[in-house]
Amino acid sequence: MTTTVDAIYEQGKLLLPAPLSLPEKAHVRVTIETVDAERASWLKLSETSLLKTWDNAGDDVFNELLAK
């Protein structure tokens, strides 16, 4: 199971906005991804460009071929 939650790092601890529905002493894996405003902006721009490229009527012909 994968759950993504935001947290705040304060005095050596990760503070969650609300308790998680996990059993006591559950083992979890934590991946740290810091929020970087500039990186987020570039990712949004990239996503917009990719959607323009990949989400177009010209691609329908490929979907039709794959369906055969």
PDB file of N, CA and C in Angstrom:
ATOM      1  N   MET A   1       0.844  -1.174   0.000  1.00  0.00           N
ATOM      2  CA  MET A   1       0.000   0.000   0.000  1.00  0.00           C
ATOM      3  C   MET A   1       0.892   1.241   0.000  1.00  0.00           C
ATOM      4  N   THR A   2       0.499   2.237  -0.780  1.00  0.00           N
ATOM      5  CA  THR A   2       1.228   3.490  -0.826  1.00  0.00           C
ATOM      6  C   THR A   2       0.297   4.621  -0.423  1.00  0.00           C
ATOM      7  N   THR A   3       0.755   5.435   0.495  1.00  0.00           N
ATOM      8  CA  THR A   3       0.016   6.619   0.933  1.00  0.00           C
ATOM      9  C   THR A   3       0.983   7.781   0.939  1.00  0.00           C
ATOM     10  N   THR A   4       0.574   8.893   0.388  1.00  0.00           N
ATOM     11  CA  THR A   4       1.415  10.084   0.382  1.00  0.00           C
ATOM     12  C   THR A   4       0.786  11.117   1.310  1.00  0.00           C
ATOM     13  N   VAL A   5       1.572  11.622   2.230  1.00  0.00           N
ATOM     14  CA  VAL A   5       1.108  12.668   3.139  1.00  0.00           C
ATOM     15  C   VAL A   5       2.173  13.761   3.223  1.00  0.00           C
ATOM     16  N   ASP A   6       1.740  14.963   3.451  1.00  0.00           N
ATOM     17  CA  ASP A   6       2.673  16.066   3.677  1.00  0.00           C
ATOM     18  C   ASP A   6       2.995  16.112   5.162  1.00  0.00           C
ATOM     19  N   ALA A   7       4.192  16.533   5.480  1.00  0.00           N
ATOM     20  CA  ALA A   7       4.608  16.650   6.873  1.00  0.00           C
ATOM     21  C   ALA A   7       5.537  17.850   7.005  1.00  0.00           C
ATOM     22  N   ILE A   8       5.760  18.245   8.231  1.00  0.00           N
ATOM     23  CA  ILE A   8       6.686  19.336   8.530  1.00  0.00           C
ATOM     24  C   ILE A   8       7.793  18.762   9.405  1.00  0.00           C
ATOM     25  N   TYR A   9       9.027  19.057   9.034  1.00  0.00           N
ATOM     26  CA  TYR A   9      10.177  18.603   9.813  1.00  0.00           C
ATOM     27  C   TYR A   9      10.480  19.666  10.855  1.00  0.00           C
ATOM     28  N   GLU A  10      10.426  19.275  12.111  1.00  0.00           N
ATOM     29  CA  GLU A  10      10.644  20.226  13.198  1.00  0.00           C
ATOM     30  C   GLU A  10      11.360  19.540  14.352  1.00  0.00           C
ATOM     31  N   GLN A  11      12.491  20.084  14.751  1.00  0.00           N
ATOM     32  CA  GLN A  11      13.280  19.580  15.873  1.00  0.00           C
ATOM     33  C   GLN A  11      13.551  18.073  15.768  1.00  0.00           C
ATOM     34  N   GLY A  12      13.942  17.656  14.563  1.00  0.00           N
ATOM     35  CA  GLY A  12      14.335  16.263  14.364  1.00  0.00           C
ATOM     36  C   GLY A  12      13.189  15.285  14.176  1.00  0.00           C
ATOM     37  N   LYS A  13      11.955  15.782  14.078  1.00  0.00           N
ATOM     38  CA  LYS A  13      10.799  14.885  13.922  1.00  0.00           C
ATOM     39  C   LYS A  13       9.941  15.338  12.757  1.00  0.00           C
ATOM     40  N   LEU A  14       9.280  14.382  12.134  1.00  0.00           N
ATOM     41  CA  LEU A  14       8.308  14.692  11.095  1.00  0.00           C
ATOM     42  C   LEU A  14       6.938  14.810  11.748  1.00  0.00           C
ATOM     43  N   LEU A  15       6.312  15.968  11.609  1.00  0.00           N
ATOM     44  CA  LEU A  15       4.999  16.198  12.193  1.00  0.00           C
ATOM     45  C   LEU A  15       3.938  16.042  11.106  1.00  0.00           C
ATOM     46  N   LEU A  16       3.015  15.114  11.316  1.00  0.00           N
ATOM     47  CA  LEU A  16       1.947  14.870  10.360  1.00  0.00           C
ATOM     48  C   LEU A  16       0.742  15.733  10.692  1.00  0.00           C
ATOM     49  N   PRO A  17      -0.040  16.125   9.695  1.00  0.00           N
ATOM     50  CA  PRO A  17      -1.203  16.968   9.964  1.00  0.00           C
ATOM     51  C   PRO A  17      -2.322  16.226  10.701  1.00  0.00           C
ATOM     52  N   ALA A  18      -2.347  14.910  10.579  1.00  0.00           N
ATOM     53  CA  ALA A  18      -3.382  14.094  11.233  1.00  0.00           C
ATOM     54  C   ALA A  18      -2.825  12.690  11.415  1.00  0.00           C
ATOM     55  N   PRO A  19      -3.356  11.940  12.375  1.00  0.00           N
ATOM     56  CA  PRO A  19      -2.889  10.562  12.562  1.00  0.00           C
ATOM     57  C   PRO A  19      -3.157   9.713  11.318  1.00  0.00           C
ATOM     58  N   LEU A  20      -2.312   8.723  11.118  1.00  0.00           N
ATOM     59  CA  LEU A  20      -2.487   7.789  10.012  1.00  0.00           C
ATOM     60  C   LEU A  20      -3.221   6.551  10.504  1.00  0.00           C
ATOM     61  N   SER A  21      -3.952   5.915   9.615  1.00  0.00           N
ATOM     62  CA  SER A  21      -4.675   4.695  10.003  1.00  0.00           C
ATOM     63  C   SER A  21      -3.759   3.481   9.825  1.00  0.00           C
ATOM     64  N   LEU A  22      -2.767   3.402  10.691  1.00  0.00           N
ATOM     65  CA  LEU A  22      -1.806   2.304  10.690  1.00  0.00           C
ATOM     66  C   LEU A  22      -1.818   1.655  12.068  1.00  0.00           C
ATOM     67  N   PRO A  23      -1.543   0.359  12.114  1.00  0.00           N
ATOM     68  CA  PRO A  23      -1.450  -0.274  13.438  1.00  0.00           C
ATOM     69  C   PRO A  23      -0.207   0.220  14.177  1.00  0.00           C
ATOM     70  N   GLU A  24      -0.259   0.181  15.481  1.00  0.00           N
ATOM     71  CA  GLU A  24       0.902   0.573  16.290  1.00  0.00           C
ATOM     72  C   GLU A  24       2.122  -0.261  15.898  1.00  0.00           C
ATOM     73  N   LYS A  25       3.260   0.383  15.879  1.00  0.00           N
ATOM     74  CA  LYS A  25       4.552  -0.230  15.570  1.00  0.00           C
ATOM     75  C   LYS A  25       4.632  -0.777  14.149  1.00  0.00           C
ATOM     76  N   ALA A  26       3.779  -0.255  13.259  1.00  0.00           N
ATOM     77  CA  ALA A  26       3.837  -0.665  11.850  1.00  0.00           C
ATOM     78  C   ALA A  26       5.159  -0.180  11.257  1.00  0.00           C
ATOM     79  N   HIS A  27       5.786  -0.995  10.450  1.00  0.00           N
ATOM     80  CA  HIS A  27       7.016  -0.604   9.766  1.00  0.00           C
ATOM     81  C   HIS A  27       6.635   0.094   8.462  1.00  0.00           C
ATOM     82  N   VAL A  28       7.204   1.255   8.238  1.00  0.00           N
ATOM     83  CA  VAL A  28       6.916   2.032   7.036  1.00  0.00           C
ATOM     84  C   VAL A  28       8.223   2.470   6.390  1.00  0.00           C
ATOM     85  N   ARG A  29       8.152   2.865   5.129  1.00  0.00           N
ATOM     86  CA  ARG A  29       9.319   3.408   4.429  1.00  0.00           C
ATOM     87  C   ARG A  29       9.017   4.872   4.138  1.00  0.00           C
ATOM     88  N   VAL A  30       9.919   5.746   4.508  1.00  0.00           N
ATOM     89  CA  VAL A  30       9.725   7.183   4.328  1.00  0.00           C
ATOM     90  C   VAL A  30      10.645   7.664   3.209  1.00  0.00           C
ATOM     91  N   THR A  31      10.075   8.349   2.238  1.00  0.00           N
ATOM     92  CA  THR A  31      10.851   8.956   1.159  1.00  0.00           C
ATOM     93  C   THR A  31      10.741  10.463   1.318  1.00  0.00           C
ATOM     94  N   ILE A  32      11.858  11.136   1.402  1.00  0.00           N
ATOM     95  CA  ILE A  32      11.871  12.581   1.611  1.00  0.00           C
ATOM     96  C   ILE A  32      11.961  13.284   0.260  1.00  0.00           C
ATOM     97  N   GLU A  33      10.989  14.132  -0.024  1.00  0.00           N
ATOM     98  CA  GLU A  33      10.987  14.950  -1.231  1.00  0.00           C
ATOM     99  C   GLU A  33      10.672  16.369  -0.787  1.00  0.00           C
ATOM    100  N   THR A  34      11.665  17.215  -0.794  1.00  0.00           N
ATOM    101  CA  THR A  34      11.442  18.580  -0.332  1.00  0.00           C
ATOM    102  C   THR A  34      10.663  19.365  -1.388  1.00  0.00           C
ATOM    103  N   VAL A  35       9.897  20.316  -0.929  1.00  0.00           N
ATOM    104  CA  VAL A  35       9.110  21.155  -1.819  1.00  0.00           C
ATOM    105  C   VAL A  35      10.010  22.274  -2.316  1.00  0.00           C
ATOM    106  N   ASP A  36      10.193  22.299  -3.608  1.00  0.00           N
ATOM    107  CA  ASP A  36      11.047  23.298  -4.244  1.00  0.00           C
ATOM    108  C   ASP A  36      10.178  24.044  -5.254  1.00  0.00           C
ATOM    109  N   ALA A  37       9.893  25.291  -5.001  1.00  0.00           N
ATOM    110  CA  ALA A  37       8.973  26.067  -5.837  1.00  0.00           C
ATOM    111  C   ALA A  37       9.443  26.143  -7.289  1.00  0.00           C
ATOM    112  N   GLU A  38      10.734  26.333  -7.496  1.00  0.00           N
ATOM    113  CA  GLU A  38      11.241  26.435  -8.868  1.00  0.00           C
ATOM    114  C   GLU A  38      11.084  25.103  -9.598  1.00  0.00           C
ATOM    115  N   ARG A  39      11.418  24.009  -8.910  1.00  0.00           N
ATOM    116  CA  ARG A  39      11.276  22.676  -9.514  1.00  0.00           C
ATOM    117  C   ARG A  39       9.810  22.398  -9.837  1.00  0.00           C
ATOM    118  N   ALA A  40       8.921  22.746  -8.929  1.00  0.00           N
ATOM    119  CA  ALA A  40       7.494  22.523  -9.153  1.00  0.00           C
ATOM    120  C   ALA A  40       7.019  23.307 -10.377  1.00  0.00           C
ATOM    121  N   SER A  41       7.517  24.517 -10.554  1.00  0.00           N
ATOM    122  CA  SER A  41       7.134  25.327 -11.717  1.00  0.00           C
ATOM    123  C   SER A  41       7.598  24.683 -13.017  1.00  0.00           C
ATOM    124  N   TRP A  42       8.834  24.197 -13.039  1.00  0.00           N
ATOM    125  CA  TRP A  42       9.349  23.533 -14.239  1.00  0.00           C
ATOM    126  C   TRP A  42       8.576  22.254 -14.541  1.00  0.00           C
ATOM    127  N   LEU A  43       8.231  21.503 -13.508  1.00  0.00           N
ATOM    128  CA  LEU A  43       7.461  20.277 -13.720  1.00  0.00           C
ATOM    129  C   LEU A  43       6.089  20.589 -14.303  1.00  0.00           C
ATOM    130  N   LYS A  44       5.456  21.643 -13.817  1.00  0.00           N
ATOM    131  CA  LYS A  44       4.148  22.034 -14.333  1.00  0.00           C
ATOM    132  C   LYS A  44       4.250  22.452 -15.794  1.00  0.00           C
ATOM    133  N   LEU A  45       5.277  23.223 -16.129  1.00  0.00           N
ATOM    134  CA  LEU A  45       5.475  23.622 -17.522  1.00  0.00           C
ATOM    135  C   LEU A  45       5.725  22.403 -18.411  1.00  0.00           C
ATOM    136  N   SER A  46       6.510  21.469 -17.923  1.00  0.00           N
ATOM    137  CA  SER A  46       6.794  20.253 -18.683  1.00  0.00           C
ATOM    138  C   SER A  46       5.529  19.448 -18.904  1.00  0.00           C
ATOM    139  N   GLU A  47       4.731  19.331 -17.859  1.00  0.00           N
ATOM    140  CA  GLU A  47       3.489  18.573 -17.962  1.00  0.00           C
ATOM    141  C   GLU A  47       2.559  19.194 -19.002  1.00  0.00           C
ATOM    142  N   THR A  48       2.454  20.509 -19.001  1.00  0.00           N
ATOM    143  CA  THR A  48       1.605  21.209 -19.959  1.00  0.00           C
ATOM    144  C   THR A  48       2.070  20.947 -21.387  1.00  0.00           C
ATOM    145  N   SER A  49       3.368  21.008 -21.609  1.00  0.00           N
ATOM    146  CA  SER A  49       3.920  20.758 -22.944  1.00  0.00           C
ATOM    147  C   SER A  49       3.689  19.319 -23.382  1.00  0.00           C
ATOM    148  N   LEU A  50       3.888  18.383 -22.465  1.00  0.00           N
ATOM    149  CA  LEU A  50       3.674  16.977 -22.807  1.00  0.00           C
ATOM    150  C   LEU A  50       2.210  16.692 -23.136  1.00  0.00           C
ATOM    151  N   LEU A  51       1.305  17.288 -22.387  1.00  0.00           N
ATOM    152  CA  LEU A  51      -0.114  17.075 -22.662  1.00  0.00           C
ATOM    153  C   LEU A  51      -0.492  17.600 -24.045  1.00  0.00           C
ATOM    154  N   LYS A  52       0.074  18.738 -24.442  1.00  0.00           N
ATOM    155  CA  LYS A  52      -0.198  19.271 -25.781  1.00  0.00           C
ATOM    156  C   LYS A  52       0.319  18.315 -26.854  1.00  0.00           C
ATOM    157  N   THR A  53       1.468  17.707 -26.603  1.00  0.00           N
ATOM    158  CA  THR A  53       2.069  16.805 -27.576  1.00  0.00           C
ATOM    159  C   THR A  53       1.334  15.467 -27.639  1.00  0.00           C
ATOM    160  N   TRP A  54       1.004  14.908 -26.504  1.00  0.00           N
ATOM    161  CA  TRP A  54       0.449  13.555 -26.460  1.00  0.00           C
ATOM    162  C   TRP A  54      -1.057  13.497 -26.518  1.00  0.00           C
ATOM    163  N   ASP A  55      -1.742  14.529 -26.128  1.00  0.00           N
ATOM    164  CA  ASP A  55      -3.201  14.501 -26.086  1.00  0.00           C
ATOM    165  C   ASP A  55      -3.755  15.286 -27.272  1.00  0.00           C
ATOM    166  N   ASN A  56      -3.767  14.626 -28.441  1.00  0.00           N
ATOM    167  CA  ASN A  56      -4.268  15.307 -29.631  1.00  0.00           C
ATOM    168  C   ASN A  56      -5.008  14.309 -30.515  1.00  0.00           C
ATOM    169  N   ALA A  57      -5.824  14.837 -31.391  1.00  0.00           N
ATOM    170  CA  ALA A  57      -6.661  13.989 -32.253  1.00  0.00           C
ATOM    171  C   ALA A  57      -5.824  13.115 -33.182  1.00  0.00           C
ATOM    172  N   GLY A  58      -4.638  13.559 -33.534  1.00  0.00           N
ATOM    173  CA  GLY A  58      -3.788  12.776 -34.424  1.00  0.00           C
ATOM    174  C   GLY A  58      -3.370  11.437 -33.835  1.00  0.00           C
ATOM    175  N   ASP A  59      -3.360  11.349 -32.526  1.00  0.00           N
ATOM    176  CA  ASP A  59      -2.973  10.085 -31.882  1.00  0.00           C
ATOM    177  C   ASP A  59      -4.087   9.049 -31.905  1.00  0.00           C
ATOM    178  N   ASP A  60      -5.300   9.452 -32.239  1.00  0.00           N
ATOM    179  CA  ASP A  60      -6.412   8.509 -32.259  1.00  0.00           C
ATOM    180  C   ASP A  60      -6.171   7.362 -33.229  1.00  0.00           C
ATOM    181  N   VAL A  61      -5.483   7.636 -34.325  1.00  0.00           N
ATOM    182  CA  VAL A  61      -5.202   6.584 -35.300  1.00  0.00           C
ATOM    183  C   VAL A  61      -4.366   5.469 -34.657  1.00  0.00           C
ATOM    184  N   PHE A  62      -3.452   5.809 -33.770  1.00  0.00           N
ATOM    185  CA  PHE A  62      -2.638   4.801 -33.101  1.00  0.00           C
ATOM    186  C   PHE A  62      -3.475   3.981 -32.120  1.00  0.00           C
ATOM    187  N   ASN A  63      -4.399   4.639 -31.440  1.00  0.00           N
ATOM    188  CA  ASN A  63      -5.292   3.917 -30.525  1.00  0.00           C
ATOM    189  C   ASN A  63      -6.149   2.920 -31.295  1.00  0.00           C
ATOM    190  N   GLU A  64      -6.600   3.316 -32.476  1.00  0.00           N
ATOM    191  CA  GLU A  64      -7.393   2.411 -33.319  1.00  0.00           C
ATOM    192  C   GLU A  64      -6.570   1.208 -33.759  1.00  0.00           C
ATOM    193  N   LEU A  65      -5.309   1.440 -34.135  1.00  0.00           N
ATOM    194  CA  LEU A  65      -4.444   0.327 -34.541  1.00  0.00           C
ATOM    195  C   LEU A  65      -4.175  -0.623 -33.372  1.00  0.00           C
ATOM    196  N   LEU A  66      -3.985  -0.075 -32.189  1.00  0.00           N
ATOM    197  CA  LEU A  66      -3.727  -0.914 -31.025  1.00  0.00           C
ATOM    198  C   LEU A  66      -4.943  -1.760 -30.656  1.00  0.00           C
ATOM    199  N   ALA A  67      -6.123  -1.248 -30.933  1.00  0.00           N
ATOM    200  CA  ALA A  67      -7.353  -1.959 -30.596  1.00  0.00           C
ATOM    201  C   ALA A  67      -7.588  -3.159 -31.503  1.00  0.00           C
ATOM    202  N   LYS A  68      -6.946  -3.197 -32.675  1.00  0.00           N
ATOM    203  CA  LYS A  68      -7.155  -4.305 -33.635  1.00  0.00           C
ATOM    204  C   LYS A  68      -6.412  -5.535 -33.237  1.00  0.00           C
TER     205      LYS A  68
END
